[in-house]
PDB file of N, CA and C in Angstrom:
ATOM      1  N   MET A   1       7.296   4.687 -33.054  1.00  0.00           N
ATOM      2  CA  MET A   1       6.289   5.101 -32.107  1.00  0.00           C
ATOM      3  C   MET A   1       6.912   5.122 -30.712  1.00  0.00           C
ATOM      4  N   ALA A   2       6.694   6.192 -29.982  1.00  0.00           N
ATOM      5  CA  ALA A   2       7.229   6.328 -28.630  1.00  0.00           C
ATOM      6  C   ALA A   2       6.457   5.429 -27.667  1.00  0.00           C
ATOM      7  N   ALA A   3       7.114   5.057 -26.583  1.00  0.00           N
ATOM      8  CA  ALA A   3       6.482   4.167 -25.602  1.00  0.00           C
ATOM      9  C   ALA A   3       5.250   4.817 -24.978  1.00  0.00           C
ATOM     10  N   GLU A   4       5.274   6.141 -24.812  1.00  0.00           N
ATOM     11  CA  GLU A   4       4.142   6.842 -24.212  1.00  0.00           C
ATOM     12  C   GLU A   4       2.917   6.830 -25.123  1.00  0.00           C
ATOM     13  N   ASP A   5       3.128   6.676 -26.422  1.00  0.00           N
ATOM     14  CA  ASP A   5       2.030   6.724 -27.387  1.00  0.00           C
ATOM     15  C   ASP A   5       1.359   5.363 -27.593  1.00  0.00           C
ATOM     16  N   ARG A   6       1.991   4.297 -27.146  1.00  0.00           N
ATOM     17  CA  ARG A   6       1.411   2.964 -27.318  1.00  0.00           C
ATOM     18  C   ARG A   6       0.203   2.791 -26.404  1.00  0.00           C
ATOM     19  N   VAL A   7      -0.678   1.905 -26.780  1.00  0.00           N
ATOM     20  CA  VAL A   7      -1.846   1.586 -25.973  1.00  0.00           C
ATOM     21  C   VAL A   7      -1.548   0.311 -25.194  1.00  0.00           C
ATOM     22  N   TYR A   8      -1.627   0.421 -23.872  1.00  0.00           N
ATOM     23  CA  TYR A   8      -1.383  -0.725 -23.003  1.00  0.00           C
ATOM     24  C   TYR A   8      -2.723  -1.201 -22.453  1.00  0.00           C
ATOM     25  N   LEU A   9      -3.036  -2.488 -22.673  1.00  0.00           N
ATOM     26  CA  LEU A   9      -4.296  -3.047 -22.204  1.00  0.00           C
ATOM     27  C   LEU A   9      -4.062  -3.878 -20.949  1.00  0.00           C
ATOM     28  N   CYS A  10      -5.077  -3.925 -20.121  1.00  0.00           N
ATOM     29  CA  CYS A  10      -5.031  -4.681 -18.870  1.00  0.00           C
ATOM     30  C   CYS A  10      -4.744  -6.152 -19.161  1.00  0.00           C
ATOM     31  N   SER A  11      -3.883  -6.750 -18.360  1.00  0.00           N
ATOM     32  CA  SER A  11      -3.529  -8.154 -18.580  1.00  0.00           C
ATOM     33  C   SER A  11      -4.602  -9.111 -18.076  1.00  0.00           C
ATOM     34  N   LEU A  12      -5.589  -8.624 -17.330  1.00  0.00           N
ATOM     35  CA  LEU A  12      -6.657  -9.488 -16.842  1.00  0.00           C
ATOM     36  C   LEU A  12      -7.940  -9.351 -17.654  1.00  0.00           C
ATOM     37  N   CYS A  13      -8.438  -8.128 -17.787  1.00  0.00           N
ATOM     38  CA  CYS A  13      -9.712  -7.953 -18.499  1.00  0.00           C
ATOM     39  C   CYS A  13      -9.511  -7.742 -20.002  1.00  0.00           C
ATOM     40  N   HIS A  14      -8.343  -7.326 -20.429  1.00  0.00           N
ATOM     41  CA  HIS A  14      -7.949  -7.190 -21.834  1.00  0.00           C
ATOM     42  C   HIS A  14      -8.722  -6.121 -22.624  1.00  0.00           C
ATOM     43  N   TRP A  15      -9.489  -5.259 -21.968  1.00  0.00           N
ATOM     44  CA  TRP A  15     -10.158  -4.202 -22.739  1.00  0.00           C
ATOM     45  C   TRP A  15      -9.936  -2.813 -22.128  1.00  0.00           C
ATOM     46  N   GLU A  16      -9.593  -2.741 -20.866  1.00  0.00           N
ATOM     47  CA  GLU A  16      -9.376  -1.444 -20.221  1.00  0.00           C
ATOM     48  C   GLU A  16      -7.934  -0.995 -20.464  1.00  0.00           C
ATOM     49  N   LYS A  17      -7.758   0.281 -20.745  1.00  0.00           N
ATOM     50  CA  LYS A  17      -6.416   0.812 -20.976  1.00  0.00           C
ATOM     51  C   LYS A  17      -5.705   1.060 -19.650  1.00  0.00           C
ATOM     52  N   VAL A  18      -4.398   0.830 -19.656  1.00  0.00           N
ATOM     53  CA  VAL A  18      -3.559   1.071 -18.485  1.00  0.00           C
ATOM     54  C   VAL A  18      -2.670   2.268 -18.812  1.00  0.00           C
ATOM     55  N   PRO A  19      -2.644   3.288 -17.941  1.00  0.00           N
ATOM     56  CA  PRO A  19      -1.785   4.448 -18.205  1.00  0.00           C
ATOM     57  C   PRO A  19      -0.307   4.051 -18.297  1.00  0.00           C
ATOM     58  N   PHE A  20       0.437   4.785 -19.134  1.00  0.00           N
ATOM     59  CA  PHE A  20       1.837   4.456 -19.378  1.00  0.00           C
ATOM     60  C   PHE A  20       2.651   4.456 -18.095  1.00  0.00           C
ATOM     61  N   LYS A  21       2.474   5.446 -17.218  1.00  0.00           N
ATOM     62  CA  LYS A  21       3.259   5.522 -15.983  1.00  0.00           C
ATOM     63  C   LYS A  21       2.970   4.331 -15.069  1.00  0.00           C
ATOM     64  N   ARG A  22       1.722   3.876 -15.043  1.00  0.00           N
ATOM     65  CA  ARG A  22       1.377   2.697 -14.242  1.00  0.00           C
ATOM     66  C   ARG A  22       2.038   1.450 -14.835  1.00  0.00           C
ATOM     67  N   TRP A  23       2.010   1.335 -16.162  1.00  0.00           N
ATOM     68  CA  TRP A  23       2.633   0.199 -16.848  1.00  0.00           C
ATOM     69  C   TRP A  23       4.145   0.199 -16.603  1.00  0.00           C
ATOM     70  N   LYS A  24       4.752   1.370 -16.684  1.00  0.00           N
ATOM     71  CA  LYS A  24       6.193   1.495 -16.484  1.00  0.00           C
ATOM     72  C   LYS A  24       6.587   1.149 -15.049  1.00  0.00           C
ATOM     73  N   ALA A  25       5.683   1.390 -14.093  1.00  0.00           N
ATOM     74  CA  ALA A  25       5.953   1.066 -12.688  1.00  0.00           C
ATOM     75  C   ALA A  25       5.801  -0.422 -12.399  1.00  0.00           C
ATOM     76  N   GLY A  26       5.319  -1.194 -13.375  1.00  0.00           N
ATOM     77  CA  GLY A  26       5.223  -2.631 -13.199  1.00  0.00           C
ATOM     78  C   GLY A  26       3.834  -3.141 -12.888  1.00  0.00           C
ATOM     79  N   TYR A  27       2.834  -2.272 -12.969  1.00  0.00           N
ATOM     80  CA  TYR A  27       1.454  -2.683 -12.750  1.00  0.00           C
ATOM     81  C   TYR A  27       0.795  -2.864 -14.111  1.00  0.00           C
ATOM     82  N   PHE A  28       0.495  -4.112 -14.467  1.00  0.00           N
ATOM     83  CA  PHE A  28      -0.007  -4.417 -15.791  1.00  0.00           C
ATOM     84  C   PHE A  28      -1.516  -4.602 -15.824  1.00  0.00           C
ATOM     85  N   THR A  29      -2.206  -4.161 -14.766  1.00  0.00           N
ATOM     86  CA  THR A  29      -3.659  -4.252 -14.694  1.00  0.00           C
ATOM     87  C   THR A  29      -4.255  -2.864 -14.607  1.00  0.00           C
ATOM     88  N   CYS A  30      -5.522  -2.757 -15.015  1.00  0.00           N
ATOM     89  CA  CYS A  30      -6.227  -1.487 -14.859  1.00  0.00           C
ATOM     90  C   CYS A  30      -6.529  -1.279 -13.375  1.00  0.00           C
ATOM     91  N   LEU A  31      -7.012  -0.114 -13.011  1.00  0.00           N
ATOM     92  CA  LEU A  31      -7.260   0.182 -11.606  1.00  0.00           C
ATOM     93  C   LEU A  31      -8.315  -0.735 -11.007  1.00  0.00           C
ATOM     94  N   ALA A  32      -9.366  -1.037 -11.760  1.00  0.00           N
ATOM     95  CA  ALA A  32     -10.433  -1.891 -11.242  1.00  0.00           C
ATOM     96  C   ALA A  32      -9.927  -3.312 -10.973  1.00  0.00           C
ATOM     97  N   CYS A  33      -9.199  -3.881 -11.911  1.00  0.00           N
ATOM     98  CA  CYS A  33      -8.668  -5.233 -11.723  1.00  0.00           C
ATOM     99  C   CYS A  33      -7.591  -5.247 -10.638  1.00  0.00           C
ATOM    100  N   GLY A  34      -6.786  -4.189 -10.560  1.00  0.00           N
ATOM    101  CA  GLY A  34      -5.766  -4.087  -9.519  1.00  0.00           C
ATOM    102  C   GLY A  34      -6.384  -4.013  -8.133  1.00  0.00           C
ATOM    103  N   GLU A  35      -7.483  -3.279  -8.011  1.00  0.00           N
ATOM    104  CA  GLU A  35      -8.201  -3.189  -6.742  1.00  0.00           C
ATOM    105  C   GLU A  35      -8.745  -4.559  -6.338  1.00  0.00           C
ATOM    106  N   GLU A  36      -9.278  -5.284  -7.289  1.00  0.00           N
ATOM    107  CA  GLU A  36      -9.815  -6.620  -7.025  1.00  0.00           C
ATOM    108  C   GLU A  36      -8.711  -7.577  -6.568  1.00  0.00           C
ATOM    109  N   GLN A  37      -7.557  -7.491  -7.200  1.00  0.00           N
ATOM    110  CA  GLN A  37      -6.423  -8.326  -6.805  1.00  0.00           C
ATOM    111  C   GLN A  37      -5.939  -7.966  -5.405  1.00  0.00           C
ATOM    112  N   ALA A  38      -5.880  -6.680  -5.099  1.00  0.00           N
ATOM    113  CA  ALA A  38      -5.393  -6.244  -3.792  1.00  0.00           C
ATOM    114  C   ALA A  38      -6.328  -6.693  -2.678  1.00  0.00           C
ATOM    115  N   ARG A  39      -7.621  -6.678  -2.918  1.00  0.00           N
ATOM    116  CA  ARG A  39      -8.579  -7.099  -1.893  1.00  0.00           C
ATOM    117  C   ARG A  39      -8.566  -8.607  -1.678  1.00  0.00           C
ATOM    118  N   ALA A  40      -8.040  -9.364  -2.623  1.00  0.00           N
ATOM    119  CA  ALA A  40      -7.980 -10.820  -2.498  1.00  0.00           C
ATOM    120  C   ALA A  40      -6.868 -11.273  -1.550  1.00  0.00           C
ATOM    121  N   VAL A  41      -5.862 -10.422  -1.333  1.00  0.00           N
ATOM    122  CA  VAL A  41      -4.737 -10.768  -0.470  1.00  0.00           C
ATOM    123  C   VAL A  41      -5.085 -10.391   0.969  1.00  0.00           C
ATOM    124  N   LYS A  42      -4.929 -11.339   1.881  1.00  0.00           N
ATOM    125  CA  LYS A  42      -5.195 -11.097   3.293  1.00  0.00           C
ATOM    126  C   LYS A  42      -3.878 -11.033   4.045  1.00  0.00           C
ATOM    127  N   HIS A  43      -3.723 -10.027   4.888  1.00  0.00           N
ATOM    128  CA  HIS A  43      -2.536  -9.930   5.716  1.00  0.00           C
ATOM    129  C   HIS A  43      -2.893  -9.225   7.021  1.00  0.00           C
ATOM    130  N   CYS A  44      -1.990  -9.270   7.960  1.00  0.00           N
ATOM    131  CA  CYS A  44      -2.208  -8.713   9.289  1.00  0.00           C
ATOM    132  C   CYS A  44      -0.955  -7.932   9.677  1.00  0.00           C
ATOM    133  N   ILE A  45      -1.126  -6.856  10.408  1.00  0.00           N
ATOM    134  CA  ILE A  45      -0.001  -6.073  10.890  1.00  0.00           C
ATOM    135  C   ILE A  45       0.023  -6.195  12.406  1.00  0.00           C
ATOM    136  N   VAL A  46       1.137  -6.679  12.952  1.00  0.00           N
ATOM    137  CA  VAL A  46       1.239  -6.889  14.393  1.00  0.00           C
ATOM    138  C   VAL A  46       2.456  -6.150  14.946  1.00  0.00           C
ATOM    139  N   PRO A  47       2.353  -5.678  16.205  1.00  0.00           N
ATOM    140  CA  PRO A  47       3.520  -5.041  16.833  1.00  0.00           C
ATOM    141  C   PRO A  47       4.438  -6.087  17.448  1.00  0.00           C
ATOM    142  N   MET A  48       5.728  -5.952  17.231  1.00  0.00           N
ATOM    143  CA  MET A  48       6.706  -6.833  17.860  1.00  0.00           C
ATOM    144  C   MET A  48       7.168  -6.166  19.157  1.00  0.00           C
ATOM    145  N   HIS A  49       7.608  -6.967  20.115  1.00  0.00           N
ATOM    146  CA  HIS A  49       8.047  -6.457  21.404  1.00  0.00           C
ATOM    147  C   HIS A  49       9.267  -5.550  21.231  1.00  0.00           C
ATOM    148  N   LYS A  50       9.152  -4.325  21.690  1.00  0.00           N
ATOM    149  CA  LYS A  50      10.221  -3.315  21.618  1.00  0.00           C
ATOM    150  C   LYS A  50      10.765  -3.160  20.202  1.00  0.00           C
ATOM    151  N   SER A  51       9.869  -3.189  19.229  1.00  0.00           N
ATOM    152  CA  SER A  51      10.296  -3.087  17.843  1.00  0.00           C
ATOM    153  C   SER A  51       9.212  -2.393  17.033  1.00  0.00           C
ATOM    154  N   ASN A  52       9.272  -2.562  15.751  1.00  0.00           N
ATOM    155  CA  ASN A  52       8.311  -1.962  14.841  1.00  0.00           C
ATOM    156  C   ASN A  52       7.150  -2.909  14.577  1.00  0.00           C
ATOM    157  N   TYR A  53       6.247  -2.452  13.742  1.00  0.00           N
ATOM    158  CA  TYR A  53       5.152  -3.290  13.290  1.00  0.00           C
ATOM    159  C   TYR A  53       5.646  -4.185  12.155  1.00  0.00           C
ATOM    160  N   VAL A  54       5.114  -5.397  12.077  1.00  0.00           N
ATOM    161  CA  VAL A  54       5.527  -6.364  11.077  1.00  0.00           C
ATOM    162  C   VAL A  54       4.292  -6.863  10.339  1.00  0.00           C
ATOM    163  N   VAL A  55       4.371  -6.943   9.014  1.00  0.00           N
ATOM    164  CA  VAL A  55       3.285  -7.491   8.216  1.00  0.00           C
ATOM    165  C   VAL A  55       3.411  -9.010   8.215  1.00  0.00           C
ATOM    166  N   VAL A  56       2.330  -9.685   8.590  1.00  0.00           N
ATOM    167  CA  VAL A  56       2.324 -11.144   8.657  1.00  0.00           C
ATOM    168  C   VAL A  56       1.281 -11.666   7.683  1.00  0.00           C
ATOM    169  N   SER A  57       1.701 -12.517   6.774  1.00  0.00           N
ATOM    170  CA  SER A  57       0.765 -13.100   5.814  1.00  0.00           C
ATOM    171  C   SER A  57       0.570 -14.594   6.042  1.00  0.00           C
ATOM    172  N   ASP A  58       1.364 -15.192   6.918  1.00  0.00           N
ATOM    173  CA  ASP A  58       1.254 -16.612   7.234  1.00  0.00           C
ATOM    174  C   ASP A  58       0.744 -16.758   8.666  1.00  0.00           C
ATOM    175  N   ARG A  59      -0.351 -17.445   8.846  1.00  0.00           N
ATOM    176  CA  ARG A  59      -0.975 -17.573  10.168  1.00  0.00           C
ATOM    177  C   ARG A  59      -0.052 -18.252  11.183  1.00  0.00           C
ATOM    178  N   ASP A  60       0.798 -19.168  10.737  1.00  0.00           N
ATOM    179  CA  ASP A  60       1.709 -19.858  11.644  1.00  0.00           C
ATOM    180  C   ASP A  60       2.732 -18.909  12.280  1.00  0.00           C
ATOM    181  N   LEU A  61       3.055 -17.808  11.603  1.00  0.00           N
ATOM    182  CA  LEU A  61       4.011 -16.853  12.162  1.00  0.00           C
ATOM    183  C   LEU A  61       3.426 -16.082  13.343  1.00  0.00           C
ATOM    184  N   LEU A  62       2.112 -16.065  13.467  1.00  0.00           N
ATOM    185  CA  LEU A  62       1.492 -15.354  14.578  1.00  0.00           C
ATOM    186  C   LEU A  62       1.628 -16.106  15.899  1.00  0.00           C
ATOM    187  N   THR A  63       1.976 -17.394  15.861  1.00  0.00           N
ATOM    188  CA  THR A  63       2.139 -18.183  17.076  1.00  0.00           C
ATOM    189  C   THR A  63       3.361 -17.690  17.839  1.00  0.00           C
ATOM    190  N   GLY A  64       3.146 -17.171  19.007  1.00  0.00           N
ATOM    191  CA  GLY A  64       4.249 -16.726  19.845  1.00  0.00           C
ATOM    192  C   GLY A  64       4.775 -15.346  19.551  1.00  0.00           C
ATOM    193  N   VAL A  65       4.153 -14.604  18.671  1.00  0.00           N
ATOM    194  CA  VAL A  65       4.604 -13.248  18.377  1.00  0.00           C
ATOM    195  C   VAL A  65       4.353 -12.392  19.616  1.00  0.00           C
ATOM    196  N   ASN A  66       5.284 -11.509  19.893  1.00  0.00           N
ATOM    197  CA  ASN A  66       5.183 -10.568  21.002  1.00  0.00           C
ATOM    198  C   ASN A  66       5.348 -11.271  22.357  1.00  0.00           C
ATOM    199  N   GLN A  67       6.198 -12.292  22.417  1.00  0.00           N
ATOM    200  CA  GLN A  67       6.473 -13.007  23.656  1.00  0.00           C
ATOM    201  C   GLN A  67       7.830 -12.618  24.229  1.00  0.00           C
ATOM    202  N   LYS A  68       8.310 -11.429  23.938  1.00  0.00           N
ATOM    203  CA  LYS A  68       9.575 -10.886  24.451  1.00  0.00           C
ATOM    204  C   LYS A  68      10.796 -11.704  24.039  1.00  0.00           C
ATOM    205  N   GLY A  69      10.646 -12.529  23.060  1.00  0.00           N
ATOM    206  CA  GLY A  69      11.794 -13.307  22.640  1.00  0.00           C
ATOM    207  C   GLY A  69      11.684 -13.738  21.194  1.00  0.00           C
ATOM    208  N   GLY A  70      10.681 -13.236  20.522  1.00  0.00           N
ATOM    209  CA  GLY A  70      10.515 -13.622  19.131  1.00  0.00           C
ATOM    210  C   GLY A  70       9.451 -14.683  18.979  1.00  0.00           C
ATOM    211  N   LEU A  71       9.646 -15.543  18.033  1.00  0.00           N
ATOM    212  CA  LEU A  71       8.667 -16.581  17.754  1.00  0.00           C
ATOM    213  C   LEU A  71       8.861 -17.761  18.702  1.00  0.00           C
ATOM    214  N   VAL A  72       7.795 -18.111  19.390  1.00  0.00           N
ATOM    215  CA  VAL A  72       7.819 -19.246  20.313  1.00  0.00           C
ATOM    216  C   VAL A  72       6.783 -20.248  19.824  1.00  0.00           C
ATOM    217  N   LYS A  73       7.213 -21.488  19.642  1.00  0.00           N
ATOM    218  CA  LYS A  73       6.273 -22.517  19.169  1.00  0.00           C
ATOM    219  C   LYS A  73       6.219 -23.673  20.117  1.00  0.00           C
TER     220      LYS A  73
END
């Protein structure tokens, strides 16, 4: 049996099918469960001084951000 012909079930709800291309990309959840997981993660995007935007997921890293010298604590 080819890999494309197999039935892949969601690793969380165990009844919804996951498309082969999504499974091959490393996403083992259905779209509904994946959406729920994504909404559970909180993060913030902040601009750094004379640089790009940075994704911050730890609140302590926000202390001193954008102080023209990096992180100041």
